[in-house]
């Protein structure tokens, strides 16, 4: 029986690899070229004579609440000019980013055939890092001034755990996250487990849509932070279980373990000082991955509609030791 199970596992692995290879091949055949429309560059060099043409080409970038004089003044604004110059220096070439977005769109199109590639437009936003990317049915907007590198002088007042993601490599990850929020219906999260699984679903969406990115990039951890989470997975899980946090509705738990923060709050100095923030997201991700590994007949789109409790109960999740 032991040998039979072993050979069965080999057969399943071979079949799975063949299926994965077939899917990868089909995705690669999808035509999804991407060209980033550099509104940021056009706006930076625009004159009064150019303004009407810009407004016609990019009506969604100009609020009708403001007169033309407002936009002409903005072009000449010193801060705006500094932002434009920094963006042009960092993003003189966007070919690599366009290729990554193209790969993302190919994957979305494969799994969501109704998807139509949007216009992709770059802009500056006075470093509005809470809205780094905006995704709609027909237009994706990327604020390039939020991706100049974490040590850029524009970000000196921003906390390190926030600006660590201000890199050009993070653009496609942020877009994938925005599409995860677009395609995964929001749920009413009451417990910590609900919050963890919701985050896990978004991260699993990234697993499927941007497999060319590392796990650290998907969750926006450093390599060291991801290694810490993996090494301490069993302890984290034990902490949640022993303190009966999974099904707790304590409103303070998301800020301790889900929301962006410099570290997770176990209230144990030796752990808090070393842990990355959002550790609950990481554990939720592992639960969702365990569920999909043990329930191969369930599509990930169907999984997105399942309750956190159902996913957890059928995940057979066991933390790494």
C-alpha atoms as a PDB file:
ATOM      1  CA  UNK A   1       0.000   0.000   0.000  1.00  0.00           C
ATOM      2  CA  UNK A   2       2.893   2.346   0.821  1.00  0.00           C
ATOM      3  CA  UNK A   3       4.473   1.784  -2.616  1.00  0.00           C
ATOM      4  CA  UNK A   4       1.086   2.191  -4.341  1.00  0.00           C
ATOM      5  CA  UNK A   5       0.602   5.575  -2.684  1.00  0.00           C
ATOM      6  CA  UNK A   6       4.097   6.606  -3.696  1.00  0.00           C
ATOM      7  CA  UNK A   7       3.568   5.745  -7.380  1.00  0.00           C
ATOM      8  CA  UNK A   8       0.143   7.395  -7.325  1.00  0.00           C
ATOM      9  CA  UNK A   9       1.750  10.579  -6.057  1.00  0.00           C
ATOM     10  CA  UNK A  10       4.317  10.421  -8.893  1.00  0.00           C
ATOM     11  CA  UNK A  11       1.556   9.996 -11.493  1.00  0.00           C
ATOM     12  CA  UNK A  12      -0.450  12.907 -10.060  1.00  0.00           C
ATOM     13  CA  UNK A  13       2.671  15.098 -10.074  1.00  0.00           C
ATOM     14  CA  UNK A  14       3.464  14.232 -13.717  1.00  0.00           C
ATOM     15  CA  UNK A  15      -0.117  14.927 -14.833  1.00  0.00           C
ATOM     16  CA  UNK A  16      -0.150  18.200 -12.895  1.00  0.00           C
ATOM     17  CA  UNK A  17       3.130  19.325 -14.483  1.00  0.00           C
ATOM     18  CA  UNK A  18       1.796  18.512 -17.968  1.00  0.00           C
ATOM     19  CA  UNK A  19      -1.392  20.469 -17.275  1.00  0.00           C
ATOM     20  CA  UNK A  20       0.588  23.433 -15.943  1.00  0.00           C
ATOM     21  CA  UNK A  21       2.802  23.369 -19.035  1.00  0.00           C
ATOM     22  CA  UNK A  22      -0.261  23.306 -21.297  1.00  0.00           C
ATOM     23  CA  UNK A  23      -1.820  26.277 -19.496  1.00  0.00           C
ATOM     24  CA  UNK A  24       1.439  28.239 -19.676  1.00  0.00           C
ATOM     25  CA  UNK A  25       1.676  27.551 -23.407  1.00  0.00           C
ATOM     26  CA  UNK A  26      -1.925  28.657 -24.020  1.00  0.00           C
ATOM     27  CA  UNK A  27      -1.437  31.838 -22.014  1.00  0.00           C
ATOM     28  CA  UNK A  28       1.713  32.720 -23.959  1.00  0.00           C
ATOM     29  CA  UNK A  29      -0.280  32.618 -27.218  1.00  0.00           C
ATOM     30  CA  UNK A  30      -2.727  35.305 -26.088  1.00  0.00           C
ATOM     31  CA  UNK A  31      -2.055  38.597 -27.841  1.00  0.00           C
ATOM     32  CA  UNK A  32      -2.037  41.314 -25.209  1.00  0.00           C
ATOM     33  CA  UNK A  33       0.482  44.043 -26.132  1.00  0.00           C
ATOM     34  CA  UNK A  34       0.761  46.933 -23.671  1.00  0.00           C
ATOM     35  CA  UNK A  35       1.865  50.482 -24.365  1.00  0.00           C
ATOM     36  CA  UNK A  36       1.977  52.909 -21.450  1.00  0.00           C
ATOM     37  CA  UNK A  37       0.604  56.268 -22.567  1.00  0.00           C
ATOM     38  CA  UNK A  38       2.928  58.801 -20.963  1.00  0.00           C
ATOM     39  CA  UNK A  39       0.483  61.489 -19.910  1.00  0.00           C
ATOM     40  CA  UNK A  40       3.056  62.560 -17.316  1.00  0.00           C
ATOM     41  CA  UNK A  41       5.548  63.478 -20.056  1.00  0.00           C
ATOM     42  CA  UNK A  42       2.987  65.180 -22.276  1.00  0.00           C
ATOM     43  CA  UNK A  43       1.607  67.233 -19.395  1.00  0.00           C
ATOM     44  CA  UNK A  44       5.080  68.255 -18.227  1.00  0.00           C
ATOM     45  CA  UNK A  45       5.928  69.850 -21.587  1.00  0.00           C
ATOM     46  CA  UNK A  46       2.465  71.154 -22.510  1.00  0.00           C
ATOM     47  CA  UNK A  47       1.823  74.767 -23.465  1.00  0.00           C
ATOM     48  CA  UNK A  48      -1.422  76.703 -23.606  1.00  0.00           C
ATOM     49  CA  UNK A  49      -1.726  75.653 -27.245  1.00  0.00           C
ATOM     50  CA  UNK A  50      -1.391  71.978 -26.306  1.00  0.00           C
ATOM     51  CA  UNK A  51      -3.946  71.955 -23.490  1.00  0.00           C
ATOM     52  CA  UNK A  52      -7.102  71.391 -25.567  1.00  0.00           C
ATOM     53  CA  UNK A  53      -5.502  68.444 -27.321  1.00  0.00           C
ATOM     54  CA  UNK A  54      -4.481  66.900 -24.013  1.00  0.00           C
ATOM     55  CA  UNK A  55      -7.969  67.366 -22.629  1.00  0.00           C
ATOM     56  CA  UNK A  56      -9.416  65.659 -25.705  1.00  0.00           C
ATOM     57  CA  UNK A  57      -7.026  62.693 -25.494  1.00  0.00           C
ATOM     58  CA  UNK A  58      -7.187  62.319 -21.693  1.00  0.00           C
ATOM     59  CA  UNK A  59     -10.560  63.720 -20.559  1.00  0.00           C
ATOM     60  CA  UNK A  60     -10.470  61.544 -17.423  1.00  0.00           C
ATOM     61  CA  UNK A  61      -7.349  63.388 -16.227  1.00  0.00           C
ATOM     62  CA  UNK A  62      -9.008  66.817 -16.191  1.00  0.00           C
ATOM     63  CA  UNK A  63     -11.769  67.674 -13.758  1.00  0.00           C
ATOM     64  CA  UNK A  64     -14.280  70.061 -15.297  1.00  0.00           C
ATOM     65  CA  UNK A  65     -14.450  71.793 -11.925  1.00  0.00           C
ATOM     66  CA  UNK A  66     -11.219  73.625 -12.746  1.00  0.00           C
ATOM     67  CA  UNK A  67     -10.639  76.193 -15.517  1.00  0.00           C
ATOM     68  CA  UNK A  68      -7.813  75.942 -18.034  1.00  0.00           C
ATOM     69  CA  UNK A  69      -5.827  78.494 -16.048  1.00  0.00           C
ATOM     70  CA  UNK A  70      -5.632  76.029 -13.143  1.00  0.00           C
ATOM     71  CA  UNK A  71      -3.975  73.373 -15.314  1.00  0.00           C
ATOM     72  CA  UNK A  72      -1.558  75.849 -16.906  1.00  0.00           C
ATOM     73  CA  UNK A  73      -0.533  77.035 -13.448  1.00  0.00           C
ATOM     74  CA  UNK A  74      -0.029  73.422 -12.362  1.00  0.00           C
ATOM     75  CA  UNK A  75       2.320  72.765 -15.292  1.00  0.00           C
ATOM     76  CA  UNK A  76       4.471  75.691 -14.119  1.00  0.00           C
ATOM     77  CA  UNK A  77       4.277  74.718 -10.440  1.00  0.00           C
ATOM     78  CA  UNK A  78       7.773  74.149  -9.022  1.00  0.00           C
ATOM     79  CA  UNK A  79       6.848  70.951  -7.176  1.00  0.00           C
ATOM     80  CA  UNK A  80       5.098  69.567 -10.248  1.00  0.00           C
ATOM     81  CA  UNK A  81       8.177  70.271 -12.359  1.00  0.00           C
ATOM     82  CA  UNK A  82      10.435  68.532  -9.821  1.00  0.00           C
ATOM     83  CA  UNK A  83       8.132  65.501  -9.801  1.00  0.00           C
ATOM     84  CA  UNK A  84       8.063  65.384 -13.598  1.00  0.00           C
ATOM     85  CA  UNK A  85      11.854  65.613 -13.842  1.00  0.00           C
ATOM     86  CA  UNK A  86      12.362  62.817 -11.287  1.00  0.00           C
ATOM     87  CA  UNK A  87       9.844  60.569 -13.031  1.00  0.00           C
ATOM     88  CA  UNK A  88      11.426  61.141 -16.434  1.00  0.00           C
ATOM     89  CA  UNK A  89      14.856  60.316 -15.024  1.00  0.00           C
ATOM     90  CA  UNK A  90      13.692  57.059 -13.385  1.00  0.00           C
ATOM     91  CA  UNK A  91      11.312  56.027 -16.152  1.00  0.00           C
ATOM     92  CA  UNK A  92      13.127  57.030 -19.313  1.00  0.00           C
ATOM     93  CA  UNK A  93      12.281  53.521 -20.576  1.00  0.00           C
ATOM     94  CA  UNK A  94       9.170  51.533 -19.625  1.00  0.00           C
ATOM     95  CA  UNK A  95       9.641  48.434 -21.805  1.00  0.00           C
ATOM     96  CA  UNK A  96      10.224  46.045 -18.888  1.00  0.00           C
ATOM     97  CA  UNK A  97       7.164  47.341 -17.048  1.00  0.00           C
ATOM     98  CA  UNK A  98       5.051  47.093 -20.207  1.00  0.00           C
ATOM     99  CA  UNK A  99       6.144  43.474 -20.665  1.00  0.00           C
ATOM    100  CA  UNK A 100       5.209  42.604 -17.084  1.00  0.00           C
ATOM    101  CA  UNK A 101       1.805  44.251 -17.429  1.00  0.00           C
ATOM    102  CA  UNK A 102       1.330  42.364 -20.689  1.00  0.00           C
ATOM    103  CA  UNK A 103       2.010  39.074 -18.858  1.00  0.00           C
ATOM    104  CA  UNK A 104      -0.519  40.075 -16.198  1.00  0.00           C
ATOM    105  CA  UNK A 105      -3.143  40.874 -18.825  1.00  0.00           C
ATOM    106  CA  UNK A 106      -2.500  37.576 -20.634  1.00  0.00           C
ATOM    107  CA  UNK A 107      -3.197  35.672 -17.433  1.00  0.00           C
ATOM    108  CA  UNK A 108      -6.326  37.689 -16.639  1.00  0.00           C
ATOM    109  CA  UNK A 109      -7.630  37.155 -20.188  1.00  0.00           C
ATOM    110  CA  UNK A 110      -7.034  33.394 -19.941  1.00  0.00           C
ATOM    111  CA  UNK A 111      -8.984  33.027 -16.717  1.00  0.00           C
ATOM    112  CA  UNK A 112     -11.522  35.798 -17.396  1.00  0.00           C
ATOM    113  CA  UNK A 113     -12.263  35.647 -21.161  1.00  0.00           C
ATOM    114  CA  UNK A 114     -14.517  38.698 -20.945  1.00  0.00           C
ATOM    115  CA  UNK A 115     -11.512  40.840 -19.951  1.00  0.00           C
ATOM    116  CA  UNK A 116     -10.591  43.580 -22.421  1.00  0.00           C
ATOM    117  CA  UNK A 117      -7.197  45.212 -22.195  1.00  0.00           C
ATOM    118  CA  UNK A 118      -7.552  48.775 -20.880  1.00  0.00           C
ATOM    119  CA  UNK A 119      -5.603  51.863 -21.771  1.00  0.00           C
ATOM    120  CA  UNK A 120      -2.628  52.123 -19.448  1.00  0.00           C
ATOM    121  CA  UNK A 121      -1.810  55.725 -18.587  1.00  0.00           C
ATOM    122  CA  UNK A 122       1.012  57.088 -16.431  1.00  0.00           C
ATOM    123  CA  UNK A 123       0.784  60.261 -14.396  1.00  0.00           C
ATOM    124  CA  UNK A 124       2.140  62.066 -11.344  1.00  0.00           C
ATOM    125  CA  UNK A 125       0.066  62.500  -8.200  1.00  0.00           C
ATOM    126  CA  UNK A 126       2.029  64.601  -5.720  1.00  0.00           C
ATOM    127  CA  UNK A 127       3.106  61.240  -4.220  1.00  0.00           C
ATOM    128  CA  UNK A 128      -0.415  60.080  -3.360  1.00  0.00           C
ATOM    129  CA  UNK A 129       0.828  56.660  -2.244  1.00  0.00           C
ATOM    130  CA  UNK A 130      -2.623  55.591  -1.070  1.00  0.00           C
ATOM    131  CA  UNK A 131      -3.683  55.576  -4.735  1.00  0.00           C
ATOM    132  CA  UNK A 132      -0.581  54.333  -6.533  1.00  0.00           C
ATOM    133  CA  UNK A 133      -2.664  52.589  -9.209  1.00  0.00           C
ATOM    134  CA  UNK A 134      -6.299  52.940 -10.243  1.00  0.00           C
ATOM    135  CA  UNK A 135      -8.040  50.187 -12.207  1.00  0.00           C
ATOM    136  CA  UNK A 136     -11.302  50.573 -14.124  1.00  0.00           C
ATOM    137  CA  UNK A 137     -13.092  48.682 -16.911  1.00  0.00           C
ATOM    138  CA  UNK A 138     -11.289  50.609 -19.624  1.00  0.00           C
ATOM    139  CA  UNK A 139      -8.416  52.589 -18.067  1.00  0.00           C
ATOM    140  CA  UNK A 140      -5.542  51.788 -15.699  1.00  0.00           C
ATOM    141  CA  UNK A 141      -3.711  54.754 -14.201  1.00  0.00           C
ATOM    142  CA  UNK A 142      -0.242  54.455 -12.680  1.00  0.00           C
ATOM    143  CA  UNK A 143       1.215  57.251 -10.540  1.00  0.00           C
ATOM    144  CA  UNK A 144       4.891  56.908 -11.431  1.00  0.00           C
ATOM    145  CA  UNK A 145       5.988  59.386  -8.762  1.00  0.00           C
ATOM    146  CA  UNK A 146       5.143  56.718  -6.152  1.00  0.00           C
ATOM    147  CA  UNK A 147       7.699  54.278  -7.630  1.00  0.00           C
ATOM    148  CA  UNK A 148      10.960  56.234  -7.628  1.00  0.00           C
ATOM    149  CA  UNK A 149      12.758  53.978  -5.121  1.00  0.00           C
ATOM    150  CA  UNK A 150      12.308  53.836  -1.324  1.00  0.00           C
ATOM    151  CA  UNK A 151      15.259  56.128  -0.601  1.00  0.00           C
ATOM    152  CA  UNK A 152      14.169  58.928  -2.906  1.00  0.00           C
ATOM    153  CA  UNK A 153      14.189  62.376  -1.329  1.00  0.00           C
ATOM    154  CA  UNK A 154      10.475  62.848  -2.038  1.00  0.00           C
ATOM    155  CA  UNK A 155       9.680  60.110   0.484  1.00  0.00           C
ATOM    156  CA  UNK A 156      11.746  61.307   3.450  1.00  0.00           C
ATOM    157  CA  UNK A 157       8.624  61.868   5.564  1.00  0.00           C
ATOM    158  CA  UNK A 158       7.096  58.485   4.748  1.00  0.00           C
ATOM    159  CA  UNK A 159       7.586  55.594   7.169  1.00  0.00           C
ATOM    160  CA  UNK A 160      10.014  52.933   5.973  1.00  0.00           C
ATOM    161  CA  UNK A 161       7.500  50.057   5.983  1.00  0.00           C
ATOM    162  CA  UNK A 162       5.339  52.055   3.576  1.00  0.00           C
ATOM    163  CA  UNK A 163       8.020  53.371   1.205  1.00  0.00           C
ATOM    164  CA  UNK A 164       9.704  49.967   0.929  1.00  0.00           C
ATOM    165  CA  UNK A 165       7.179  49.218  -1.826  1.00  0.00           C
ATOM    166  CA  UNK A 166       7.896  52.394  -3.789  1.00  0.00           C
ATOM    167  CA  UNK A 167       9.887  50.549  -6.473  1.00  0.00           C
ATOM    168  CA  UNK A 168       9.252  50.121 -10.181  1.00  0.00           C
ATOM    169  CA  UNK A 169       9.289  46.329  -9.688  1.00  0.00           C
ATOM    170  CA  UNK A 170       6.161  46.699  -7.547  1.00  0.00           C
ATOM    171  CA  UNK A 171       4.002  48.309 -10.247  1.00  0.00           C
ATOM    172  CA  UNK A 172       2.644  45.077 -11.732  1.00  0.00           C
ATOM    173  CA  UNK A 173       2.140  43.649  -8.220  1.00  0.00           C
ATOM    174  CA  UNK A 174       0.029  46.661  -7.255  1.00  0.00           C
ATOM    175  CA  UNK A 175      -1.949  46.314 -10.473  1.00  0.00           C
ATOM    176  CA  UNK A 176      -2.549  42.626  -9.759  1.00  0.00           C
ATOM    177  CA  UNK A 177      -3.735  43.512  -6.261  1.00  0.00           C
ATOM    178  CA  UNK A 178      -6.120  46.105  -7.692  1.00  0.00           C
ATOM    179  CA  UNK A 179      -7.528  43.494 -10.081  1.00  0.00           C
ATOM    180  CA  UNK A 180      -7.878  41.060  -7.175  1.00  0.00           C
ATOM    181  CA  UNK A 181     -10.065  43.628  -5.442  1.00  0.00           C
ATOM    182  CA  UNK A 182     -11.957  44.067  -8.712  1.00  0.00           C
ATOM    183  CA  UNK A 183     -12.677  40.384  -9.321  1.00  0.00           C
ATOM    184  CA  UNK A 184     -13.065  39.088  -5.762  1.00  0.00           C
ATOM    185  CA  UNK A 185     -16.336  40.196  -4.236  1.00  0.00           C
ATOM    186  CA  UNK A 186     -15.927  41.910  -0.862  1.00  0.00           C
ATOM    187  CA  UNK A 187     -17.144  40.028   2.193  1.00  0.00           C
ATOM    188  CA  UNK A 188     -18.304  41.133   5.610  1.00  0.00           C
ATOM    189  CA  UNK A 189     -15.338  40.221   7.741  1.00  0.00           C
ATOM    190  CA  UNK A 190     -16.235  39.664  11.363  1.00  0.00           C
ATOM    191  CA  UNK A 191     -13.459  37.449  12.692  1.00  0.00           C
ATOM    192  CA  UNK A 192      -9.691  37.420  12.391  1.00  0.00           C
ATOM    193  CA  UNK A 193     -10.004  34.268  10.271  1.00  0.00           C
ATOM    194  CA  UNK A 194     -12.328  36.148   7.883  1.00  0.00           C
ATOM    195  CA  UNK A 195      -9.695  38.877   7.514  1.00  0.00           C
ATOM    196  CA  UNK A 196      -6.891  36.358   7.033  1.00  0.00           C
ATOM    197  CA  UNK A 197      -8.715  34.361   4.358  1.00  0.00           C
ATOM    198  CA  UNK A 198      -9.790  37.517   2.495  1.00  0.00           C
ATOM    199  CA  UNK A 199      -6.150  38.581   2.312  1.00  0.00           C
ATOM    200  CA  UNK A 200      -5.136  35.025   1.406  1.00  0.00           C
ATOM    201  CA  UNK A 201      -7.546  35.050  -1.531  1.00  0.00           C
ATOM    202  CA  UNK A 202      -5.983  38.251  -2.904  1.00  0.00           C
ATOM    203  CA  UNK A 203      -2.506  36.820  -2.549  1.00  0.00           C
ATOM    204  CA  UNK A 204      -3.566  33.580  -4.246  1.00  0.00           C
ATOM    205  CA  UNK A 205      -4.965  35.688  -7.087  1.00  0.00           C
ATOM    206  CA  UNK A 206      -1.437  37.064  -7.475  1.00  0.00           C
ATOM    207  CA  UNK A 207      -0.049  33.509  -7.448  1.00  0.00           C
ATOM    208  CA  UNK A 208      -2.190  32.780 -10.489  1.00  0.00           C
ATOM    209  CA  UNK A 209      -1.886  36.097 -12.335  1.00  0.00           C
ATOM    210  CA  UNK A 210       1.753  37.052 -11.767  1.00  0.00           C
ATOM    211  CA  UNK A 211       3.605  33.740 -11.288  1.00  0.00           C
ATOM    212  CA  UNK A 212       6.754  35.428 -12.598  1.00  0.00           C
ATOM    213  CA  UNK A 213       6.998  37.445  -9.365  1.00  0.00           C
ATOM    214  CA  UNK A 214       8.511  36.065  -6.171  1.00  0.00           C
ATOM    215  CA  UNK A 215       6.425  35.342  -3.078  1.00  0.00           C
ATOM    216  CA  UNK A 216       8.251  38.168  -1.287  1.00  0.00           C
ATOM    217  CA  UNK A 217       7.246  40.615  -4.021  1.00  0.00           C
ATOM    218  CA  UNK A 218       3.625  39.406  -4.001  1.00  0.00           C
ATOM    219  CA  UNK A 219       3.208  40.050  -0.278  1.00  0.00           C
ATOM    220  CA  UNK A 220       5.548  43.065  -0.335  1.00  0.00           C
ATOM    221  CA  UNK A 221       8.036  41.611   2.128  1.00  0.00           C
ATOM    222  CA  UNK A 222      11.790  41.651   1.975  1.00  0.00           C
ATOM    223  CA  UNK A 223      13.424  38.257   1.491  1.00  0.00           C
ATOM    224  CA  UNK A 224      14.428  38.313   5.176  1.00  0.00           C
ATOM    225  CA  UNK A 225      10.863  39.088   6.277  1.00  0.00           C
ATOM    226  CA  UNK A 226       9.460  36.217   4.223  1.00  0.00           C
ATOM    227  CA  UNK A 227      12.080  33.866   5.645  1.00  0.00           C
ATOM    228  CA  UNK A 228      11.121  34.959   9.176  1.00  0.00           C
ATOM    229  CA  UNK A 229       7.446  34.226   8.454  1.00  0.00           C
ATOM    230  CA  UNK A 230       8.278  30.797   7.034  1.00  0.00           C
ATOM    231  CA  UNK A 231      10.614  29.913   9.901  1.00  0.00           C
ATOM    232  CA  UNK A 232       8.123  30.986  12.563  1.00  0.00           C
ATOM    233  CA  UNK A 233       4.943  29.741  10.881  1.00  0.00           C
ATOM    234  CA  UNK A 234       4.288  27.030  13.489  1.00  0.00           C
ATOM    235  CA  UNK A 235       4.816  29.441  16.383  1.00  0.00           C
ATOM    236  CA  UNK A 236       2.505  32.074  14.830  1.00  0.00           C
ATOM    237  CA  UNK A 237      -0.190  29.465  14.316  1.00  0.00           C
ATOM    238  CA  UNK A 238       0.194  28.177  17.873  1.00  0.00           C
ATOM    239  CA  UNK A 239      -0.118  31.749  19.162  1.00  0.00           C
ATOM    240  CA  UNK A 240      -3.383  32.301  17.256  1.00  0.00           C
ATOM    241  CA  UNK A 241      -4.876  28.954  18.329  1.00  0.00           C
ATOM    242  CA  UNK A 242      -3.878  29.026  21.999  1.00  0.00           C
ATOM    243  CA  UNK A 243      -5.263  32.542  22.461  1.00  0.00           C
ATOM    244  CA  UNK A 244      -8.447  31.658  20.527  1.00  0.00           C
ATOM    245  CA  UNK A 245      -7.945  34.533  18.103  1.00  0.00           C
ATOM    246  CA  UNK A 246      -9.105  32.868  14.876  1.00  0.00           C
ATOM    247  CA  UNK A 247     -12.817  33.279  15.553  1.00  0.00           C
ATOM    248  CA  UNK A 248     -12.495  36.366  17.697  1.00  0.00           C
ATOM    249  CA  UNK A 249     -14.375  39.513  16.653  1.00  0.00           C
ATOM    250  CA  UNK A 250     -12.047  41.815  18.580  1.00  0.00           C
ATOM    251  CA  UNK A 251     -11.871  44.949  16.425  1.00  0.00           C
ATOM    252  CA  UNK A 252      -8.235  45.505  17.438  1.00  0.00           C
ATOM    253  CA  UNK A 253      -6.964  42.306  15.777  1.00  0.00           C
ATOM    254  CA  UNK A 254      -6.839  43.613  12.167  1.00  0.00           C
ATOM    255  CA  UNK A 255      -4.566  46.475  13.234  1.00  0.00           C
ATOM    256  CA  UNK A 256      -2.320  43.962  15.012  1.00  0.00           C
ATOM    257  CA  UNK A 257      -2.057  41.308  12.299  1.00  0.00           C
ATOM    258  CA  UNK A 258      -3.675  42.430   8.997  1.00  0.00           C
ATOM    259  CA  UNK A 259      -3.220  46.147   8.384  1.00  0.00           C
ATOM    260  CA  UNK A 260       0.017  47.633   7.060  1.00  0.00           C
ATOM    261  CA  UNK A 261       2.424  48.199   9.945  1.00  0.00           C
ATOM    262  CA  UNK A 262       6.169  48.100  10.664  1.00  0.00           C
ATOM    263  CA  UNK A 263       5.670  44.861  12.643  1.00  0.00           C
ATOM    264  CA  UNK A 264       2.914  42.548  13.878  1.00  0.00           C
ATOM    265  CA  UNK A 265       1.792  43.043  17.455  1.00  0.00           C
ATOM    266  CA  UNK A 266       2.131  39.856  19.484  1.00  0.00           C
ATOM    267  CA  UNK A 267       2.847  42.018  22.544  1.00  0.00           C
ATOM    268  CA  UNK A 268       6.034  40.036  23.072  1.00  0.00           C
ATOM    269  CA  UNK A 269       9.052  42.304  22.655  1.00  0.00           C
ATOM    270  CA  UNK A 270      11.395  39.643  21.277  1.00  0.00           C
ATOM    271  CA  UNK A 271       8.833  38.694  18.595  1.00  0.00           C
ATOM    272  CA  UNK A 272       7.422  42.120  17.748  1.00  0.00           C
ATOM    273  CA  UNK A 273      10.880  43.548  17.070  1.00  0.00           C
ATOM    274  CA  UNK A 274      11.626  40.852  14.490  1.00  0.00           C
ATOM    275  CA  UNK A 275       8.252  40.162  12.882  1.00  0.00           C
ATOM    276  CA  UNK A 276       7.056  41.788   9.649  1.00  0.00           C
ATOM    277  CA  UNK A 277       3.689  43.519   9.591  1.00  0.00           C
ATOM    278  CA  UNK A 278       0.551  41.844   8.208  1.00  0.00           C
ATOM    279  CA  UNK A 279       1.558  38.390   9.447  1.00  0.00           C
ATOM    280  CA  UNK A 280      -2.121  37.416   9.430  1.00  0.00           C
ATOM    281  CA  UNK A 281      -2.159  37.934   5.664  1.00  0.00           C
ATOM    282  CA  UNK A 282       0.746  35.531   5.318  1.00  0.00           C
ATOM    283  CA  UNK A 283      -0.998  32.814   7.370  1.00  0.00           C
ATOM    284  CA  UNK A 284      -4.258  33.337   5.457  1.00  0.00           C
ATOM    285  CA  UNK A 285      -2.307  32.880   2.226  1.00  0.00           C
ATOM    286  CA  UNK A 286      -0.908  29.557   3.431  1.00  0.00           C
ATOM    287  CA  UNK A 287      -4.398  28.350   4.390  1.00  0.00           C
ATOM    288  CA  UNK A 288      -5.793  29.239   0.959  1.00  0.00           C
ATOM    289  CA  UNK A 289      -2.859  27.544  -0.792  1.00  0.00           C
ATOM    290  CA  UNK A 290      -3.359  24.438   1.348  1.00  0.00           C
ATOM    291  CA  UNK A 291      -7.044  24.405   0.443  1.00  0.00           C
ATOM    292  CA  UNK A 292      -6.332  24.591  -3.292  1.00  0.00           C
ATOM    293  CA  UNK A 293      -3.679  21.853  -3.025  1.00  0.00           C
ATOM    294  CA  UNK A 294      -6.109  19.469  -1.301  1.00  0.00           C
ATOM    295  CA  UNK A 295      -9.200  20.359  -3.361  1.00  0.00           C
ATOM    296  CA  UNK A 296      -7.955  20.267  -6.941  1.00  0.00           C
ATOM    297  CA  UNK A 297     -11.482  19.862  -8.321  1.00  0.00           C
ATOM    298  CA  UNK A 298     -12.365  23.386  -7.116  1.00  0.00           C
ATOM    299  CA  UNK A 299     -11.453  26.267  -9.421  1.00  0.00           C
ATOM    300  CA  UNK A 300      -9.838  29.274  -7.829  1.00  0.00           C
ATOM    301  CA  UNK A 301     -12.767  31.427  -9.000  1.00  0.00           C
ATOM    302  CA  UNK A 302     -15.188  29.176  -7.123  1.00  0.00           C
ATOM    303  CA  UNK A 303     -12.906  29.295  -4.103  1.00  0.00           C
ATOM    304  CA  UNK A 304     -13.135  33.086  -4.097  1.00  0.00           C
ATOM    305  CA  UNK A 305     -16.882  32.774  -3.429  1.00  0.00           C
ATOM    306  CA  UNK A 306     -16.479  30.383  -0.515  1.00  0.00           C
ATOM    307  CA  UNK A 307     -16.650  31.425   3.121  1.00  0.00           C
ATOM    308  CA  UNK A 308     -13.513  31.667   5.196  1.00  0.00           C
ATOM    309  CA  UNK A 309     -14.759  28.943   7.515  1.00  0.00           C
ATOM    310  CA  UNK A 310     -15.392  26.498   4.647  1.00  0.00           C
ATOM    311  CA  UNK A 311     -11.946  27.113   3.208  1.00  0.00           C
ATOM    312  CA  UNK A 312     -10.312  26.686   6.594  1.00  0.00           C
ATOM    313  CA  UNK A 313     -12.269  23.542   7.501  1.00  0.00           C
ATOM    314  CA  UNK A 314     -11.347  21.807   4.231  1.00  0.00           C
ATOM    315  CA  UNK A 315      -7.784  23.105   3.874  1.00  0.00           C
ATOM    316  CA  UNK A 316      -6.038  20.476   6.016  1.00  0.00           C
ATOM    317  CA  UNK A 317      -3.672  23.307   6.850  1.00  0.00           C
ATOM    318  CA  UNK A 318      -0.593  22.362   8.826  1.00  0.00           C
ATOM    319  CA  UNK A 319       2.004  25.044   9.542  1.00  0.00           C
ATOM    320  CA  UNK A 320       5.607  24.461   8.584  1.00  0.00           C
ATOM    321  CA  UNK A 321       7.792  23.315  11.477  1.00  0.00           C
END
